[in-house]
Protein backbone atom coordinates (compact mmCIF):
# COMPACT_ATOMS: atom_id res chain seq x y z
CA MET A 1 17.84 5.30 10.81
CA SER A 2 18.80 1.63 11.81
CA PHE A 3 17.02 -1.47 10.76
CA ILE A 4 15.88 -2.27 14.37
CA LEU A 5 14.43 1.11 14.92
CA ALA A 6 12.80 1.42 11.47
CA VAL A 7 11.00 -1.79 11.23
CA PRO A 8 8.49 -1.29 14.11
CA GLN A 9 8.01 2.24 13.25
CA LEU A 10 6.88 1.49 9.85
CA GLN A 11 4.60 -1.41 10.72
CA GLN A 12 2.71 1.10 13.13
CA LEU A 13 2.10 3.80 10.49
CA ARG A 14 -1.47 4.63 9.65
CA PRO A 15 -3.31 7.31 7.78
CA GLY A 16 -2.42 10.47 8.82
CA ASP A 17 1.23 9.81 9.70
CA ARG A 18 4.35 11.04 8.00
CA LEU A 19 7.82 9.88 7.01
CA LYS A 20 10.59 10.61 4.66
CA TYR A 21 11.77 8.79 1.53
CA ARG A 22 14.46 9.96 -0.63
CA GLY A 23 14.44 13.16 1.12
CA THR A 24 10.81 13.81 0.43
CA GLU A 25 8.17 14.18 3.10
CA MET A 26 5.25 12.00 2.43
CA GLU A 27 1.91 11.34 4.20
CA VAL A 28 0.24 7.88 4.92
CA THR A 29 -3.10 8.17 3.27
CA ASP A 30 -4.20 4.50 3.16
CA TYR A 31 -3.32 1.21 4.75
CA SER A 32 -4.66 -2.29 3.79
CA THR A 33 -3.71 -5.80 4.04
CA TYR A 34 -3.76 -8.93 1.87
CA ASP A 35 -3.54 -12.59 2.50
CA ASP A 36 -4.09 -15.83 0.91
CA PRO A 37 -4.79 -19.47 2.31
CA GLN A 38 -1.00 -20.39 1.70
CA GLY A 39 0.11 -17.90 4.29
CA TYR A 40 1.37 -15.26 2.04
CA LYS A 41 0.65 -11.73 3.35
CA THR A 42 1.25 -8.08 2.48
CA GLU A 43 0.60 -4.94 4.36
CA GLU A 44 0.38 -1.83 2.16
CA TRP A 45 0.67 1.81 2.82
CA LEU A 46 -0.08 4.24 0.47
CA LEU A 47 2.50 7.28 0.50
CA GLU A 48 1.61 10.61 -1.18
CA SER A 49 3.64 13.91 -1.40
CA GLU A 50 2.46 17.08 -3.64
CA THR A 51 3.98 15.42 -6.69
CA GLN A 52 4.55 11.65 -5.94
CA GLU A 53 2.61 8.71 -5.02
CA TYR A 54 4.03 5.32 -3.95
CA TYR A 55 3.04 2.05 -2.13
CA LEU A 56 5.25 0.82 0.68
CA LEU A 57 4.78 -3.06 0.83
CA ARG A 58 5.65 -5.38 3.53
CA GLU A 59 5.66 -8.98 2.27
CA VAL A 60 5.64 -12.12 4.22
CA ASP A 61 6.33 -15.22 1.78
CA PRO A 62 6.74 -18.43 3.55
CA GLN A 63 7.56 -20.18 0.18
CA ASN A 64 10.72 -18.03 0.08
CA PRO A 65 12.80 -19.34 3.06
CA GLU A 66 15.82 -17.46 2.22
CA SER A 67 13.97 -14.20 2.61
CA VAL A 68 10.66 -14.77 4.33
CA VAL A 69 10.02 -10.90 4.95
CA ASN A 70 10.69 -8.26 2.21
CA TRP A 71 9.92 -4.55 1.86
CA TYR A 72 9.18 -2.80 -1.49
CA VAL A 73 8.28 0.48 -2.83
CA ALA A 74 5.77 0.19 -5.75
CA GLU A 75 4.40 2.64 -8.42
CA GLU A 76 1.31 2.23 -10.22
CA ILE A 77 1.86 2.34 -14.19
CA ASP A 78 -0.84 4.54 -15.85
CA ASN A 79 -2.03 3.16 -19.13
CA PRO A 80 0.46 0.25 -19.12
CA GLN A 81 1.37 -1.48 -22.46
CA ILE A 82 2.80 -4.76 -21.77
CA PHE A 83 4.06 -7.19 -24.57
CA GLN A 84 5.40 -10.72 -25.13
CA PRO A 85 9.11 -10.70 -26.03
CA ASP A 86 8.73 -11.24 -29.80
CA SER A 87 5.27 -9.50 -30.38
CA PRO A 88 4.12 -5.90 -31.03
CA GLU A 89 0.76 -6.78 -29.54
CA ASN A 90 -0.23 -4.98 -26.26
CA VAL A 91 -1.59 -7.91 -24.07
CA VAL A 92 -3.29 -5.47 -21.43
CA PRO A 93 -6.77 -5.41 -23.04
CA GLY A 94 -7.31 -9.25 -22.42
CA LEU A 95 -5.12 -9.69 -19.25
CA TRP A 96 -8.07 -9.49 -16.92
CA GLN A 97 -9.94 -12.53 -18.42
CA ASP A 98 -6.66 -14.40 -19.09
CA MET A 99 -5.97 -14.12 -15.33
CA GLN A 100 -9.31 -15.76 -14.55
CA GLN A 101 -7.98 -18.98 -15.89
CA GLN A 102 -6.04 -21.35 -13.59
CA PHE A 103 -3.03 -21.47 -15.74
CA MET A 104 -0.19 -19.28 -16.83
CA LEU A 105 -0.33 -17.85 -20.46
CA TYR A 106 2.79 -15.73 -20.30
CA GLN A 107 6.11 -16.82 -19.01
CA GLU A 108 7.97 -13.70 -19.99
CA LEU A 109 6.60 -10.09 -20.46
CA ARG A 110 8.10 -6.75 -21.52
CA LEU A 111 7.38 -3.55 -19.83
CA LEU A 112 8.97 -0.17 -20.47
CA ASN A 113 11.69 -2.04 -22.35
CA LYS A 114 12.54 -4.18 -19.33
CA ASN A 115 12.01 -8.03 -19.65
CA TYR A 116 10.31 -9.92 -16.78
CA TYR A 117 9.93 -13.49 -15.87
CA PHE A 118 6.94 -15.28 -14.21
CA GLU A 119 7.51 -16.32 -10.88
CA SER A 120 4.34 -16.87 -8.83
CA GLN A 121 0.61 -16.58 -8.69
CA THR A 122 -1.52 -15.63 -5.58
CA GLN A 123 -5.18 -15.26 -5.10
CA GLY A 124 -6.58 -14.08 -1.79
CA THR A 125 -8.37 -11.59 0.28
CA TYR A 126 -7.78 -7.83 0.17
CA GLU A 127 -8.97 -5.89 3.12
CA GLY A 128 -9.08 -2.05 3.20
CA ASP A 129 -11.39 0.79 3.81
CA GLU A 130 -14.10 -0.48 1.69
CA GLY A 131 -14.00 -4.11 3.36
CA GLU A 132 -12.94 -7.10 1.95
CA THR A 133 -12.60 -8.17 -1.70
CA SER A 134 -10.66 -10.72 -3.62
CA ARG A 135 -7.83 -10.39 -6.22
CA ILE A 136 -5.53 -12.44 -8.33
CA THR A 137 -1.80 -11.27 -8.47
CA TRP A 138 0.74 -12.39 -10.99
CA ASP A 139 4.30 -11.65 -9.98
CA TYR A 140 7.24 -11.35 -12.47
CA TRP A 141 10.78 -10.44 -11.69
CA ASP A 142 13.78 -9.31 -14.02
CA LYS A 143 16.81 -11.42 -14.24
CA ALA A 144 18.75 -9.61 -11.46
CA HIS A 145 15.60 -10.06 -9.03
CA GLN A 146 15.56 -6.45 -8.14
CA TRP A 147 12.57 -5.14 -10.04
CA ASN A 148 9.20 -6.62 -9.84
CA LEU A 149 6.26 -6.48 -12.21
CA ALA A 150 2.99 -7.18 -10.38
CA ILE A 151 -0.32 -7.43 -12.27
CA GLU A 152 -3.56 -7.49 -10.23
CA ALA A 153 -6.98 -8.58 -11.40
CA TRP A 154 -9.76 -7.55 -8.97
CA GLU A 155 -13.09 -9.15 -8.73
CA ASN A 156 -14.83 -5.93 -9.95
CA GLY A 157 -13.06 -6.30 -13.31
CA GLU A 158 -10.22 -3.63 -12.60
CA LEU A 159 -6.74 -4.49 -13.67
CA HIS A 160 -3.81 -2.71 -11.95
CA VAL A 161 -0.18 -2.89 -12.89
CA TYR A 162 2.75 -2.00 -10.60
CA SER A 163 6.49 -1.63 -10.85
CA SER A 164 8.27 -2.54 -7.50
CA LYS A 165 11.69 -2.48 -6.41
CA ARG A 166 13.30 -3.96 -3.35
CA VAL A 167 13.94 -1.49 -0.48
CA TYR A 168 15.17 -1.55 3.12
CA PRO A 169 13.55 0.04 6.07
CA GLU A 170 16.42 2.13 6.84
CA ALA A 171 15.90 4.00 3.57
CA PHE A 172 13.04 5.89 5.46
CA SER A 173 13.61 8.43 8.08
CA ASP A 174 11.73 11.03 10.25
CA ILE A 175 9.19 8.30 10.76
CA GLY A 176 6.48 9.60 13.04
CA LYS A 177 2.94 8.99 14.41
CA THR A 178 0.89 12.20 13.79
CA THR A 179 0.02 13.87 17.15
CA ARG A 180 -3.57 14.22 17.18
CA LYS A 181 -4.63 17.04 19.67
CA PRO A 182 -7.76 16.46 21.63
CA SER A 183 -10.79 18.75 20.27
CA PHE A 184 -11.64 21.41 22.66
CA PRO A 185 -14.90 20.72 24.21
CA ILE A 186 -16.35 24.14 23.27
CA PHE A 187 -20.05 23.39 23.62
CA GLN A 188 -19.68 21.67 27.11
CA THR A 189 -17.79 24.68 28.21
CA LEU A 190 -20.17 27.22 27.10
CA GLY A 191 -22.98 25.17 28.64
CA ALA A 192 -21.23 24.94 32.07
CA LEU A 193 -20.31 28.81 31.78
CA SER A 194 -23.98 29.60 31.18
CA LEU A 195 -25.03 27.66 34.11
CA VAL A 196 -22.49 29.53 36.25
CA ILE A 197 -23.88 32.69 35.02
CA ILE A 198 -27.46 31.96 35.74
CA GLY A 199 -26.45 30.80 39.15
CA LEU A 200 -24.86 33.93 39.69
CA LEU A 201 -27.92 35.95 38.69
CA LEU A 202 -30.27 33.83 40.78
CA LEU A 203 -27.79 34.60 44.01
CA ILE A 204 -27.94 38.43 43.02
CA PHE A 205 -31.66 39.04 42.10
CA GLY A 206 -33.26 36.09 43.53
């Protein structure tokens, strides 16, 4: 699918819609948005199949004029272990508290044998099914700037870690809005039918 066709179709996706990624059919099960006062914005679609779960992200970053709009596929890391380059100590247990400070403690981190380098911090409003909340995000990139490590600290104390890679909209196919059939008004129909029958009986026996 061409870039021109794919972009508007992807942006219109909402829960219940479907698409294919790497040949696997996936369903959109959640949609949310995030923004901060500096104009940074993301749209997030949760994609699920029987065996996989990804986040599709559309990022608008006004501080990156070379590539203002970017698309990523992200996967949450369960039970992450993150280290400083020369330390065997997992920094995850203290990360949420560290991120509440307004200065960067870790310029370089290692996850799954890959080193990542700090690039930016954002703090803004996240809007999803449960309303608005705030989060702090630290973004790290590998040297080739192809893989991203995103660490999110939510105001409720949760910490989420994602590994993301750059993706192009044309990597997705069979993008389609789910056709939702209108429900058949069975009760209204039965009621009308009852009135017709009563009317006929009145005509015959009345």
